[in-house]
Each structure stands twice: as structure tokens, then as C-alpha cells.
mmCIF file of all heavy atoms, coordinates in Angstrom:
data_MODEL
# 
_entry.id   MODEL 
# 
loop_
_atom_site.group_PDB 
_atom_site.id 
_atom_site.type_symbol 
_atom_site.label_atom_id 
_atom_site.label_alt_id 
_atom_site.label_comp_id 
_atom_site.label_asym_id 
_atom_site.label_entity_id 
_atom_site.label_seq_id 
_atom_site.pdbx_PDB_ins_code 
_atom_site.Cartn_x 
_atom_site.Cartn_y 
_atom_site.Cartn_z 
_atom_site.occupancy 
_atom_site.B_iso_or_equiv 
_atom_site.pdbx_formal_charge 
_atom_site.auth_seq_id 
_atom_site.auth_comp_id 
_atom_site.auth_asym_id 
_atom_site.auth_atom_id 
_atom_site.pdbx_PDB_model_num 
ATOM 1   N N   . ALA A 1 1  ? -51.700 -66.904 -174.701 1.00 0.00 ? 1  ALA A N   1 
ATOM 2   C CA  . ALA A 1 1  ? -50.440 -67.919 -174.718 1.00 0.00 ? 1  ALA A CA  1 
ATOM 3   C C   . ALA A 1 1  ? -50.325 -68.609 -176.143 1.00 0.00 ? 1  ALA A C   1 
ATOM 4   O O   . ALA A 1 1  ? -49.245 -68.765 -176.621 1.00 0.00 ? 1  ALA A O   1 
ATOM 5   C CB  . ALA A 1 1  ? -50.607 -68.914 -173.627 1.00 0.00 ? 1  ALA A CB  1 
ATOM 6   N N   . VAL A 1 2  ? -51.505 -68.904 -176.730 1.00 0.00 ? 2  VAL A N   1 
ATOM 7   C CA  . VAL A 1 2  ? -51.306 -69.487 -178.140 1.00 0.00 ? 2  VAL A CA  1 
ATOM 8   C C   . VAL A 1 2  ? -50.794 -68.618 -178.986 1.00 0.00 ? 2  VAL A C   1 
ATOM 9   O O   . VAL A 1 2  ? -49.839 -68.982 -179.795 1.00 0.00 ? 2  VAL A O   1 
ATOM 10  C CB  . VAL A 1 2  ? -52.845 -69.860 -178.587 1.00 0.00 ? 2  VAL A CB  1 
ATOM 11  C CG1 . VAL A 1 2  ? -52.816 -70.248 -180.031 1.00 0.00 ? 2  VAL A CG1 1 
ATOM 12  C CG2 . VAL A 1 2  ? -53.403 -71.010 -177.783 1.00 0.00 ? 2  VAL A CG2 1 
ATOM 13  N N   . GLY A 1 3  ? -51.024 -67.290 -178.939 1.00 0.00 ? 3  GLY A N   1 
ATOM 14  C CA  . GLY A 1 3  ? -50.360 -66.357 -179.839 1.00 0.00 ? 3  GLY A CA  1 
ATOM 15  C C   . GLY A 1 3  ? -48.913 -66.215 -179.583 1.00 0.00 ? 3  GLY A C   1 
ATOM 16  O O   . GLY A 1 3  ? -48.146 -66.029 -180.542 1.00 0.00 ? 3  GLY A O   1 
ATOM 17  N N   . ILE A 1 4  ? -48.463 -66.396 -178.363 1.00 0.00 ? 4  ILE A N   1 
ATOM 18  C CA  . ILE A 1 4  ? -47.066 -66.358 -178.094 1.00 0.00 ? 4  ILE A CA  1 
ATOM 19  C C   . ILE A 1 4  ? -46.355 -67.550 -178.694 1.00 0.00 ? 4  ILE A C   1 
ATOM 20  O O   . ILE A 1 4  ? -45.301 -67.487 -179.231 1.00 0.00 ? 4  ILE A O   1 
ATOM 21  C CB  . ILE A 1 4  ? -46.816 -66.377 -176.534 1.00 0.00 ? 4  ILE A CB  1 
ATOM 22  C CG1 . ILE A 1 4  ? -47.309 -64.969 -175.991 1.00 0.00 ? 4  ILE A CG1 1 
ATOM 23  C CG2 . ILE A 1 4  ? -45.368 -66.630 -176.222 1.00 0.00 ? 4  ILE A CG2 1 
ATOM 24  C CD1 . ILE A 1 4  ? -47.334 -64.897 -174.518 1.00 0.00 ? 4  ILE A CD1 1 
ATOM 25  N N   . THR A 1 5  ? -47.039 -68.704 -178.774 1.00 0.00 ? 5  THR A N   1 
ATOM 26  C CA  . THR A 1 5  ? -46.519 -69.884 -179.474 1.00 0.00 ? 5  THR A CA  1 
ATOM 27  C C   . THR A 1 5  ? -46.371 -69.669 -181.005 1.00 0.00 ? 5  THR A C   1 
ATOM 28  O O   . THR A 1 5  ? -45.522 -70.264 -181.499 1.00 0.00 ? 5  THR A O   1 
ATOM 29  C CB  . THR A 1 5  ? -47.352 -71.110 -179.283 1.00 0.00 ? 5  THR A CB  1 
ATOM 30  O OG1 . THR A 1 5  ? -48.547 -71.074 -179.732 1.00 0.00 ? 5  THR A OG1 1 
ATOM 31  C CG2 . THR A 1 5  ? -47.375 -71.452 -177.740 1.00 0.00 ? 5  THR A CG2 1 
ATOM 32  N N   . PHE A 1 6  ? -47.180 -68.660 -181.479 1.00 0.00 ? 6  PHE A N   1 
ATOM 33  C CA  . PHE A 1 6  ? -47.073 -68.443 -182.938 1.00 0.00 ? 6  PHE A CA  1 
ATOM 34  C C   . PHE A 1 6  ? -45.736 -67.859 -183.222 1.00 0.00 ? 6  PHE A C   1 
ATOM 35  O O   . PHE A 1 6  ? -45.247 -67.942 -184.340 1.00 0.00 ? 6  PHE A O   1 
ATOM 36  C CB  . PHE A 1 6  ? -48.196 -67.622 -183.457 1.00 0.00 ? 6  PHE A CB  1 
ATOM 37  C CG  . PHE A 1 6  ? -49.470 -68.272 -183.538 1.00 0.00 ? 6  PHE A CG  1 
ATOM 38  C CD1 . PHE A 1 6  ? -50.624 -67.353 -183.649 1.00 0.00 ? 6  PHE A CD1 1 
ATOM 39  C CD2 . PHE A 1 6  ? -49.682 -69.503 -183.468 1.00 0.00 ? 6  PHE A CD2 1 
ATOM 40  C CE1 . PHE A 1 6  ? -51.946 -67.947 -183.769 1.00 0.00 ? 6  PHE A CE1 1 
ATOM 41  C CE2 . PHE A 1 6  ? -50.947 -70.127 -183.575 1.00 0.00 ? 6  PHE A CE2 1 
ATOM 42  C CZ  . PHE A 1 6  ? -52.047 -69.365 -183.711 1.00 0.00 ? 6  PHE A CZ  1 
ATOM 43  N N   . VAL A 1 7  ? -45.029 -67.246 -182.197 1.00 0.00 ? 7  VAL A N   1 
ATOM 44  C CA  . VAL A 1 7  ? -43.705 -66.783 -182.506 1.00 0.00 ? 7  VAL A CA  1 
ATOM 45  C C   . VAL A 1 7  ? -42.709 -67.858 -182.542 1.00 0.00 ? 7  VAL A C   1 
ATOM 46  O O   . VAL A 1 7  ? -41.790 -67.831 -183.491 1.00 0.00 ? 7  VAL A O   1 
ATOM 47  C CB  . VAL A 1 7  ? -43.329 -65.805 -181.254 1.00 0.00 ? 7  VAL A CB  1 
ATOM 48  C CG1 . VAL A 1 7  ? -41.897 -65.339 -181.410 1.00 0.00 ? 7  VAL A CG1 1 
ATOM 49  C CG2 . VAL A 1 7  ? -44.246 -64.602 -181.128 1.00 0.00 ? 7  VAL A CG2 1 
ATOM 50  N N   . ALA A 1 8  ? -42.835 -68.863 -181.741 1.00 0.00 ? 8  ALA A N   1 
ATOM 51  C CA  . ALA A 1 8  ? -41.887 -69.990 -181.763 1.00 0.00 ? 8  ALA A CA  1 
ATOM 52  C C   . ALA A 1 8  ? -42.202 -70.982 -182.922 1.00 0.00 ? 8  ALA A C   1 
ATOM 53  O O   . ALA A 1 8  ? -41.303 -71.561 -183.480 1.00 0.00 ? 8  ALA A O   1 
ATOM 54  C CB  . ALA A 1 8  ? -41.934 -70.743 -180.456 1.00 0.00 ? 8  ALA A CB  1 
ATOM 55  N N   . VAL A 1 9  ? -43.531 -71.221 -183.090 1.00 0.00 ? 9  VAL A N   1 
ATOM 56  C CA  . VAL A 1 9  ? -43.950 -72.111 -184.136 1.00 0.00 ? 9  VAL A CA  1 
ATOM 57  C C   . VAL A 1 9  ? -44.871 -71.384 -185.175 1.00 0.00 ? 9  VAL A C   1 
ATOM 58  O O   . VAL A 1 9  ? -46.037 -71.182 -184.997 1.00 0.00 ? 9  VAL A O   1 
ATOM 59  C CB  . VAL A 1 9  ? -44.836 -73.262 -183.625 1.00 0.00 ? 9  VAL A CB  1 
ATOM 60  C CG1 . VAL A 1 9  ? -45.229 -74.282 -184.725 1.00 0.00 ? 9  VAL A CG1 1 
ATOM 61  C CG2 . VAL A 1 9  ? -44.018 -73.975 -182.423 1.00 0.00 ? 9  VAL A CG2 1 
ATOM 62  N N   . PRO A 1 10 ? -44.186 -70.654 -186.190 1.00 0.00 ? 10 PRO A N   1 
ATOM 63  C CA  . PRO A 1 10 ? -44.885 -69.755 -187.070 1.00 0.00 ? 10 PRO A CA  1 
ATOM 64  C C   . PRO A 1 10 ? -46.069 -70.492 -187.834 1.00 0.00 ? 10 PRO A C   1 
ATOM 65  O O   . PRO A 1 10 ? -46.005 -71.671 -188.257 1.00 0.00 ? 10 PRO A O   1 
ATOM 66  C CB  . PRO A 1 10 ? -43.726 -69.340 -188.035 1.00 0.00 ? 10 PRO A CB  1 
ATOM 67  C CG  . PRO A 1 10 ? -42.472 -69.666 -187.366 1.00 0.00 ? 10 PRO A CG  1 
ATOM 68  C CD  . PRO A 1 10 ? -42.759 -70.856 -186.503 1.00 0.00 ? 10 PRO A CD  1 
ATOM 69  N N   . VAL A 1 11 ? -47.022 -69.698 -188.107 1.00 0.00 ? 11 VAL A N   1 
ATOM 70  C CA  . VAL A 1 11 ? -48.132 -70.073 -188.905 1.00 0.00 ? 11 VAL A CA  1 
ATOM 71  C C   . VAL A 1 11 ? -47.697 -70.061 -190.409 1.00 0.00 ? 11 VAL A C   1 
ATOM 72  O O   . VAL A 1 11 ? -47.085 -69.146 -190.846 1.00 0.00 ? 11 VAL A O   1 
ATOM 73  C CB  . VAL A 1 11 ? -49.451 -69.322 -188.769 1.00 0.00 ? 11 VAL A CB  1 
ATOM 74  C CG1 . VAL A 1 11 ? -50.538 -69.589 -189.731 1.00 0.00 ? 11 VAL A CG1 1 
ATOM 75  C CG2 . VAL A 1 11 ? -49.835 -69.368 -187.366 1.00 0.00 ? 11 VAL A CG2 1 
ATOM 76  N N   . SER A 1 12 ? -47.988 -71.206 -191.162 1.00 0.00 ? 12 SER A N   1 
ATOM 77  C CA  . SER A 1 12 ? -47.453 -71.237 -192.480 1.00 0.00 ? 12 SER A CA  1 
ATOM 78  C C   . SER A 1 12 ? -48.658 -71.702 -193.416 1.00 0.00 ? 12 SER A C   1 
ATOM 79  O O   . SER A 1 12 ? -48.893 -72.840 -193.561 1.00 0.00 ? 12 SER A O   1 
ATOM 80  C CB  . SER A 1 12 ? -46.317 -72.144 -192.693 1.00 0.00 ? 12 SER A CB  1 
ATOM 81  O OG  . SER A 1 12 ? -45.852 -72.271 -193.919 1.00 0.00 ? 12 SER A OG  1 
ATOM 82  N N   . LEU A 1 13 ? -49.449 -70.820 -193.859 1.00 0.00 ? 13 LEU A N   1 
ATOM 83  C CA  . LEU A 1 13 ? -50.547 -71.004 -194.675 1.00 0.00 ? 13 LEU A CA  1 
ATOM 84  C C   . LEU A 1 13 ? -50.451 -70.639 -196.173 1.00 0.00 ? 13 LEU A C   1 
ATOM 85  O O   . LEU A 1 13 ? -50.873 -71.166 -197.067 1.00 0.00 ? 13 LEU A O   1 
ATOM 86  C CB  . LEU A 1 13 ? -51.834 -70.406 -194.088 1.00 0.00 ? 13 LEU A CB  1 
ATOM 87  C CG  . LEU A 1 13 ? -52.225 -70.925 -192.704 1.00 0.00 ? 13 LEU A CG  1 
ATOM 88  C CD1 . LEU A 1 13 ? -53.308 -70.032 -192.181 1.00 0.00 ? 13 LEU A CD1 1 
ATOM 89  C CD2 . LEU A 1 13 ? -52.692 -72.365 -192.869 1.00 0.00 ? 13 LEU A CD2 1 
ATOM 90  N N   . VAL A 1 14 ? -49.919 -69.391 -196.298 1.00 0.00 ? 14 VAL A N   1 
ATOM 91  C CA  . VAL A 1 14 ? -49.745 -68.833 -197.667 1.00 0.00 ? 14 VAL A CA  1 
ATOM 92  C C   . VAL A 1 14 ? -48.310 -68.359 -197.807 1.00 0.00 ? 14 VAL A C   1 
ATOM 93  O O   . VAL A 1 14 ? -47.597 -68.227 -196.869 1.00 0.00 ? 14 VAL A O   1 
ATOM 94  C CB  . VAL A 1 14 ? -50.771 -67.691 -197.966 1.00 0.00 ? 14 VAL A CB  1 
ATOM 95  C CG1 . VAL A 1 14 ? -52.167 -68.136 -197.942 1.00 0.00 ? 14 VAL A CG1 1 
ATOM 96  C CG2 . VAL A 1 14 ? -50.568 -66.542 -196.902 1.00 0.00 ? 14 VAL A CG2 1 
ATOM 97  N N   . ASP A 1 15 ? -47.879 -68.084 -199.094 1.00 0.00 ? 15 ASP A N   1 
ATOM 98  C CA  . ASP A 1 15 ? -46.547 -67.608 -199.358 1.00 0.00 ? 15 ASP A CA  1 
ATOM 99  C C   . ASP A 1 15 ? -46.529 -66.079 -199.033 1.00 0.00 ? 15 ASP A C   1 
ATOM 100 O O   . ASP A 1 15 ? -46.632 -65.264 -200.039 1.00 0.00 ? 15 ASP A O   1 
ATOM 101 C CB  . ASP A 1 15 ? -46.215 -67.937 -200.725 1.00 0.00 ? 15 ASP A CB  1 
ATOM 102 C CG  . ASP A 1 15 ? -44.696 -67.637 -201.013 1.00 0.00 ? 15 ASP A CG  1 
ATOM 103 O OD1 . ASP A 1 15 ? -43.943 -67.443 -200.040 1.00 0.00 ? 15 ASP A OD1 1 
ATOM 104 O OD2 . ASP A 1 15 ? -44.426 -67.423 -202.281 1.00 0.00 ? 15 ASP A OD2 1 
ATOM 105 N N   . ALA A 1 16 ? -46.318 -65.782 -197.736 1.00 0.00 ? 16 ALA A N   1 
ATOM 106 C CA  . ALA A 1 16 ? -46.399 -64.369 -197.345 1.00 0.00 ? 16 ALA A CA  1 
ATOM 107 C C   . ALA A 1 16 ? -45.629 -64.315 -195.942 1.00 0.00 ? 16 ALA A C   1 
ATOM 108 O O   . ALA A 1 16 ? -45.066 -65.287 -195.502 1.00 0.00 ? 16 ALA A O   1 
ATOM 109 C CB  . ALA A 1 16 ? -47.785 -63.925 -197.130 1.00 0.00 ? 16 ALA A CB  1 
ATOM 110 N N   . SER A 1 17 ? -45.576 -63.081 -195.486 1.00 0.00 ? 17 SER A N   1 
ATOM 111 C CA  . SER A 1 17 ? -44.815 -62.833 -194.260 1.00 0.00 ? 17 SER A CA  1 
ATOM 112 C C   . SER A 1 17 ? -45.366 -63.662 -192.991 1.00 0.00 ? 17 SER A C   1 
ATOM 113 O O   . SER A 1 17 ? -46.602 -64.037 -193.151 1.00 0.00 ? 17 SER A O   1 
ATOM 114 C CB  . SER A 1 17 ? -44.698 -61.309 -193.959 1.00 0.00 ? 17 SER A CB  1 
ATOM 115 O OG  . SER A 1 17 ? -45.946 -60.946 -193.550 1.00 0.00 ? 17 SER A OG  1 
ATOM 116 N N   . ALA A 1 18 ? -44.601 -63.821 -192.058 1.00 0.00 ? 18 ALA A N   1 
ATOM 117 C CA  . ALA A 1 18 ? -45.044 -64.376 -190.724 1.00 0.00 ? 18 ALA A CA  1 
ATOM 118 C C   . ALA A 1 18 ? -46.282 -63.655 -190.235 1.00 0.00 ? 18 ALA A C   1 
ATOM 119 O O   . ALA A 1 18 ? -47.246 -64.228 -189.679 1.00 0.00 ? 18 ALA A O   1 
ATOM 120 C CB  . ALA A 1 18 ? -43.998 -64.499 -189.775 1.00 0.00 ? 18 ALA A CB  1 
ATOM 121 N N   . PHE A 1 19 ? -46.257 -62.331 -190.304 1.00 0.00 ? 19 PHE A N   1 
ATOM 122 C CA  . PHE A 1 19 ? -47.350 -61.447 -189.838 1.00 0.00 ? 19 PHE A CA  1 
ATOM 123 C C   . PHE A 1 19 ? -48.618 -61.857 -190.588 1.00 0.00 ? 19 PHE A C   1 
ATOM 124 O O   . PHE A 1 19 ? -49.639 -61.932 -189.849 1.00 0.00 ? 19 PHE A O   1 
ATOM 125 C CB  . PHE A 1 19 ? -46.982 -60.013 -189.993 1.00 0.00 ? 19 PHE A CB  1 
ATOM 126 C CG  . PHE A 1 19 ? -48.022 -59.006 -189.389 1.00 0.00 ? 19 PHE A CG  1 
ATOM 127 C CD1 . PHE A 1 19 ? -48.082 -58.822 -188.062 1.00 0.00 ? 19 PHE A CD1 1 
ATOM 128 C CD2 . PHE A 1 19 ? -48.924 -58.433 -190.379 1.00 0.00 ? 19 PHE A CD2 1 
ATOM 129 C CE1 . PHE A 1 19 ? -49.223 -57.908 -187.695 1.00 0.00 ? 19 PHE A CE1 1 
ATOM 130 C CE2 . PHE A 1 19 ? -49.814 -57.630 -189.902 1.00 0.00 ? 19 PHE A CE2 1 
ATOM 131 C CZ  . PHE A 1 19 ? -49.929 -57.288 -188.565 1.00 0.00 ? 19 PHE A CZ  1 
ATOM 132 N N   . ILE A 1 20 ? -48.631 -61.833 -191.891 1.00 0.00 ? 20 ILE A N   1 
ATOM 133 C CA  . ILE A 1 20 ? -49.809 -62.102 -192.711 1.00 0.00 ? 20 ILE A CA  1 
ATOM 134 C C   . ILE A 1 20 ? -50.349 -63.556 -192.357 1.00 0.00 ? 20 ILE A C   1 
ATOM 135 O O   . ILE A 1 20 ? -51.563 -63.701 -192.193 1.00 0.00 ? 20 ILE A O   1 
ATOM 136 C CB  . ILE A 1 20 ? -49.503 -61.957 -194.158 1.00 0.00 ? 20 ILE A CB  1 
ATOM 137 C CG1 . ILE A 1 20 ? -49.102 -60.522 -194.516 1.00 0.00 ? 20 ILE A CG1 1 
ATOM 138 C CG2 . ILE A 1 20 ? -50.709 -62.400 -194.954 1.00 0.00 ? 20 ILE A CG2 1 
ATOM 139 C CD1 . ILE A 1 20 ? -50.145 -59.463 -194.274 1.00 0.00 ? 20 ILE A CD1 1 
ATOM 140 N N   . ASN A 1 21 ? -49.523 -64.423 -192.263 1.00 0.00 ? 21 ASN A N   1 
ATOM 141 C CA  . ASN A 1 21 ? -49.908 -65.816 -191.873 1.00 0.00 ? 21 ASN A CA  1 
ATOM 142 C C   . ASN A 1 21 ? -50.517 -65.859 -190.523 1.00 0.00 ? 21 ASN A C   1 
ATOM 143 O O   . ASN A 1 21 ? -51.550 -66.603 -190.355 1.00 0.00 ? 21 ASN A O   1 
ATOM 144 C CB  . ASN A 1 21 ? -48.741 -66.870 -191.943 1.00 0.00 ? 21 ASN A CB  1 
ATOM 145 C CG  . ASN A 1 21 ? -48.525 -67.242 -193.400 1.00 0.00 ? 21 ASN A CG  1 
ATOM 146 O OD1 . ASN A 1 21 ? -49.217 -68.130 -193.892 1.00 0.00 ? 21 ASN A OD1 1 
ATOM 147 N ND2 . ASN A 1 21 ? -47.500 -66.726 -194.030 1.00 0.00 ? 21 ASN A ND2 1 
ATOM 148 N N   . THR A 1 22 ? -50.029 -65.227 -189.557 1.00 0.00 ? 22 THR A N   1 
ATOM 149 C CA  . THR A 1 22 ? -50.475 -65.080 -188.198 1.00 0.00 ? 22 THR A CA  1 
ATOM 150 C C   . THR A 1 22 ? -51.863 -64.472 -188.269 1.00 0.00 ? 22 THR A C   1 
ATOM 151 O O   . THR A 1 22 ? -52.876 -64.923 -187.623 1.00 0.00 ? 22 THR A O   1 
ATOM 152 C CB  . THR A 1 22 ? -49.649 -64.317 -187.258 1.00 0.00 ? 22 THR A CB  1 
ATOM 153 O OG1 . THR A 1 22 ? -48.344 -65.011 -187.241 1.00 0.00 ? 22 THR A OG1 1 
ATOM 154 C CG2 . THR A 1 22 ? -50.227 -64.369 -185.906 1.00 0.00 ? 22 THR A CG2 1 
ATOM 155 N N   . VAL A 1 23 ? -52.198 -63.438 -189.054 1.00 0.00 ? 23 VAL A N   1 
ATOM 156 C CA  . VAL A 1 23 ? -53.395 -62.730 -189.106 1.00 0.00 ? 23 VAL A CA  1 
ATOM 157 C C   . VAL A 1 23 ? -54.403 -63.773 -189.806 1.00 0.00 ? 23 VAL A C   1 
ATOM 158 O O   . VAL A 1 23 ? -55.583 -63.798 -189.187 1.00 0.00 ? 23 VAL A O   1 
ATOM 159 C CB  . VAL A 1 23 ? -53.313 -61.482 -189.932 1.00 0.00 ? 23 VAL A CB  1 
ATOM 160 C CG1 . VAL A 1 23 ? -54.785 -60.934 -190.357 1.00 0.00 ? 23 VAL A CG1 1 
ATOM 161 C CG2 . VAL A 1 23 ? -52.555 -60.423 -189.269 1.00 0.00 ? 23 VAL A CG2 1 
ATOM 162 N N   . ILE A 1 24 ? -54.092 -64.458 -190.826 1.00 0.00 ? 24 ILE A N   1 
ATOM 163 C CA  . ILE A 1 24 ? -55.030 -65.471 -191.349 1.00 0.00 ? 24 ILE A CA  1 
ATOM 164 C C   . ILE A 1 24 ? -55.474 -66.556 -190.418 1.00 0.00 ? 24 ILE A C   1 
ATOM 165 O O   . ILE A 1 24 ? -56.432 -66.956 -190.188 1.00 0.00 ? 24 ILE A O   1 
ATOM 166 C CB  . ILE A 1 24 ? -54.320 -65.946 -192.645 1.00 0.00 ? 24 ILE A CB  1 
ATOM 167 C CG1 . ILE A 1 24 ? -54.238 -64.950 -193.732 1.00 0.00 ? 24 ILE A CG1 1 
ATOM 168 C CG2 . ILE A 1 24 ? -55.222 -67.192 -193.195 1.00 0.00 ? 24 ILE A CG2 1 
ATOM 169 C CD1 . ILE A 1 24 ? -53.467 -65.393 -194.919 1.00 0.00 ? 24 ILE A CD1 1 
ATOM 170 N N   . GLY A 1 25 ? -54.259 -67.008 -189.668 1.00 0.00 ? 25 GLY A N   1 
ATOM 171 C CA  . GLY A 1 25 ? -54.460 -68.008 -188.580 1.00 0.00 ? 25 GLY A CA  1 
ATOM 172 C C   . GLY A 1 25 ? -55.460 -67.516 -187.502 1.00 0.00 ? 25 GLY A C   1 
ATOM 173 O O   . GLY A 1 25 ? -56.410 -68.292 -187.084 1.00 0.00 ? 25 GLY A O   1 
ATOM 174 N N   . CYS A 1 26 ? -55.327 -66.395 -187.013 1.00 0.00 ? 26 CYS A N   1 
ATOM 175 C CA  . CYS A 1 26 ? -56.166 -65.713 -186.022 1.00 0.00 ? 26 CYS A CA  1 
ATOM 176 C C   . CYS A 1 26 ? -57.593 -65.595 -186.621 1.00 0.00 ? 26 CYS A C   1 
ATOM 177 O O   . CYS A 1 26 ? -58.633 -65.857 -185.882 1.00 0.00 ? 26 CYS A O   1 
ATOM 178 C CB  . CYS A 1 26 ? -55.733 -64.414 -185.602 1.00 0.00 ? 26 CYS A CB  1 
ATOM 179 S SG  . CYS A 1 26 ? -54.268 -64.414 -184.627 1.00 0.00 ? 26 CYS A SG  1 
ATOM 180 N N   . LEU A 1 27 ? -57.769 -65.345 -187.963 1.00 0.00 ? 27 LEU A N   1 
ATOM 181 C CA  . LEU A 1 27 ? -59.089 -65.194 -188.558 1.00 0.00 ? 27 LEU A CA  1 
ATOM 182 C C   . LEU A 1 27 ? -59.786 -66.677 -188.628 1.00 0.00 ? 27 LEU A C   1 
ATOM 183 O O   . LEU A 1 27 ? -61.041 -66.777 -188.456 1.00 0.00 ? 27 LEU A O   1 
ATOM 184 C CB  . LEU A 1 27 ? -59.044 -64.620 -189.944 1.00 0.00 ? 27 LEU A CB  1 
ATOM 185 C CG  . LEU A 1 27 ? -58.678 -63.081 -190.100 1.00 0.00 ? 27 LEU A CG  1 
ATOM 186 C CD1 . LEU A 1 27 ? -58.423 -62.701 -191.421 1.00 0.00 ? 27 LEU A CD1 1 
ATOM 187 C CD2 . LEU A 1 27 ? -59.892 -62.382 -189.392 1.00 0.00 ? 27 LEU A CD2 1 
ATOM 188 N N   . ILE A 1 28 ? -58.991 -67.624 -188.929 1.00 0.00 ? 28 ILE A N   1 
ATOM 189 C CA  . ILE A 1 28 ? -59.591 -69.086 -188.860 1.00 0.00 ? 28 ILE A CA  1 
ATOM 190 C C   . ILE A 1 28 ? -59.969 -69.490 -187.405 1.00 0.00 ? 28 ILE A C   1 
ATOM 191 O O   . ILE A 1 28 ? -61.166 -69.906 -187.294 1.00 0.00 ? 28 ILE A O   1 
ATOM 192 C CB  . ILE A 1 28 ? -58.424 -70.041 -189.337 1.00 0.00 ? 28 ILE A CB  1 
ATOM 193 C CG1 . ILE A 1 28 ? -58.191 -69.921 -190.820 1.00 0.00 ? 28 ILE A CG1 1 
ATOM 194 C CG2 . ILE A 1 28 ? -58.836 -71.444 -189.048 1.00 0.00 ? 28 ILE A CG2 1 
ATOM 195 C CD1 . ILE A 1 28 ? -57.050 -70.659 -191.440 1.00 0.00 ? 28 ILE A CD1 1 
ATOM 196 N N   . ILE A 1 29 ? -59.325 -69.094 -186.399 1.00 0.00 ? 29 ILE A N   1 
ATOM 197 C CA  . ILE A 1 29 ? -59.672 -69.324 -185.008 1.00 0.00 ? 29 ILE A CA  1 
ATOM 198 C C   . ILE A 1 29 ? -61.002 -68.510 -184.728 1.00 0.00 ? 29 ILE A C   1 
ATOM 199 O O   . ILE A 1 29 ? -61.874 -69.013 -184.147 1.00 0.00 ? 29 ILE A O   1 
ATOM 200 C CB  . ILE A 1 29 ? -58.517 -68.960 -184.085 1.00 0.00 ? 29 ILE A CB  1 
ATOM 201 C CG1 . ILE A 1 29 ? -57.224 -69.912 -184.171 1.00 0.00 ? 29 ILE A CG1 1 
ATOM 202 C CG2 . ILE A 1 29 ? -59.069 -68.893 -182.660 1.00 0.00 ? 29 ILE A CG2 1 
ATOM 203 C CD1 . ILE A 1 29 ? -56.206 -69.478 -183.552 1.00 0.00 ? 29 ILE A CD1 1 
ATOM 204 N N   . MET A 1 30 ? -60.998 -67.289 -185.246 1.00 0.00 ? 30 MET A N   1 
ATOM 205 C CA  . MET A 1 30 ? -62.246 -66.380 -185.048 1.00 0.00 ? 30 MET A CA  1 
ATOM 206 C C   . MET A 1 30 ? -63.449 -66.936 -185.577 1.00 0.00 ? 30 MET A C   1 
ATOM 207 O O   . MET A 1 30 ? -64.510 -67.111 -185.021 1.00 0.00 ? 30 MET A O   1 
ATOM 208 C CB  . MET A 1 30 ? -61.915 -64.902 -185.670 1.00 0.00 ? 30 MET A CB  1 
ATOM 209 C CG  . MET A 1 30 ? -62.940 -64.005 -185.382 1.00 0.00 ? 30 MET A CG  1 
ATOM 210 S SD  . MET A 1 30 ? -62.633 -62.453 -186.338 1.00 0.00 ? 30 MET A SD  1 
ATOM 211 C CE  . MET A 1 30 ? -61.101 -61.928 -185.427 1.00 0.00 ? 30 MET A CE  1 
ATOM 212 N N   . VAL A 1 31 ? -63.460 -67.505 -186.884 1.00 0.00 ? 31 VAL A N   1 
ATOM 213 C CA  . VAL A 1 31 ? -64.516 -68.012 -187.575 1.00 0.00 ? 31 VAL A CA  1 
ATOM 214 C C   . VAL A 1 31 ? -65.067 -69.293 -186.899 1.00 0.00 ? 31 VAL A C   1 
ATOM 215 O O   . VAL A 1 31 ? -66.088 -69.583 -186.748 1.00 0.00 ? 31 VAL A O   1 
ATOM 216 C CB  . VAL A 1 31 ? -64.257 -68.147 -189.014 1.00 0.00 ? 31 VAL A CB  1 
ATOM 217 C CG1 . VAL A 1 31 ? -65.300 -68.937 -189.782 1.00 0.00 ? 31 VAL A CG1 1 
ATOM 218 C CG2 . VAL A 1 31 ? -64.078 -66.774 -189.733 1.00 0.00 ? 31 VAL A CG2 1 
# 
């Protein structure tokens, strides 16, 4: 469900696509 919210509230960490930012966000959660 958290991943679904990433569609509505995009992850914004680096100057890249929403997909790349989501991958980085998921890696932060993973670590």
C-alpha cells in the first residue's frame, strides 16, 4: 500500500524520473 501511495505522492530525492526516485526510496526502506 505504501508503494501505491508513491504514485500519488511521488518520491523526490534526486533530479531524475519518478521511477528512479521510487527505486532509490525503496532501497532506503530496504537498508
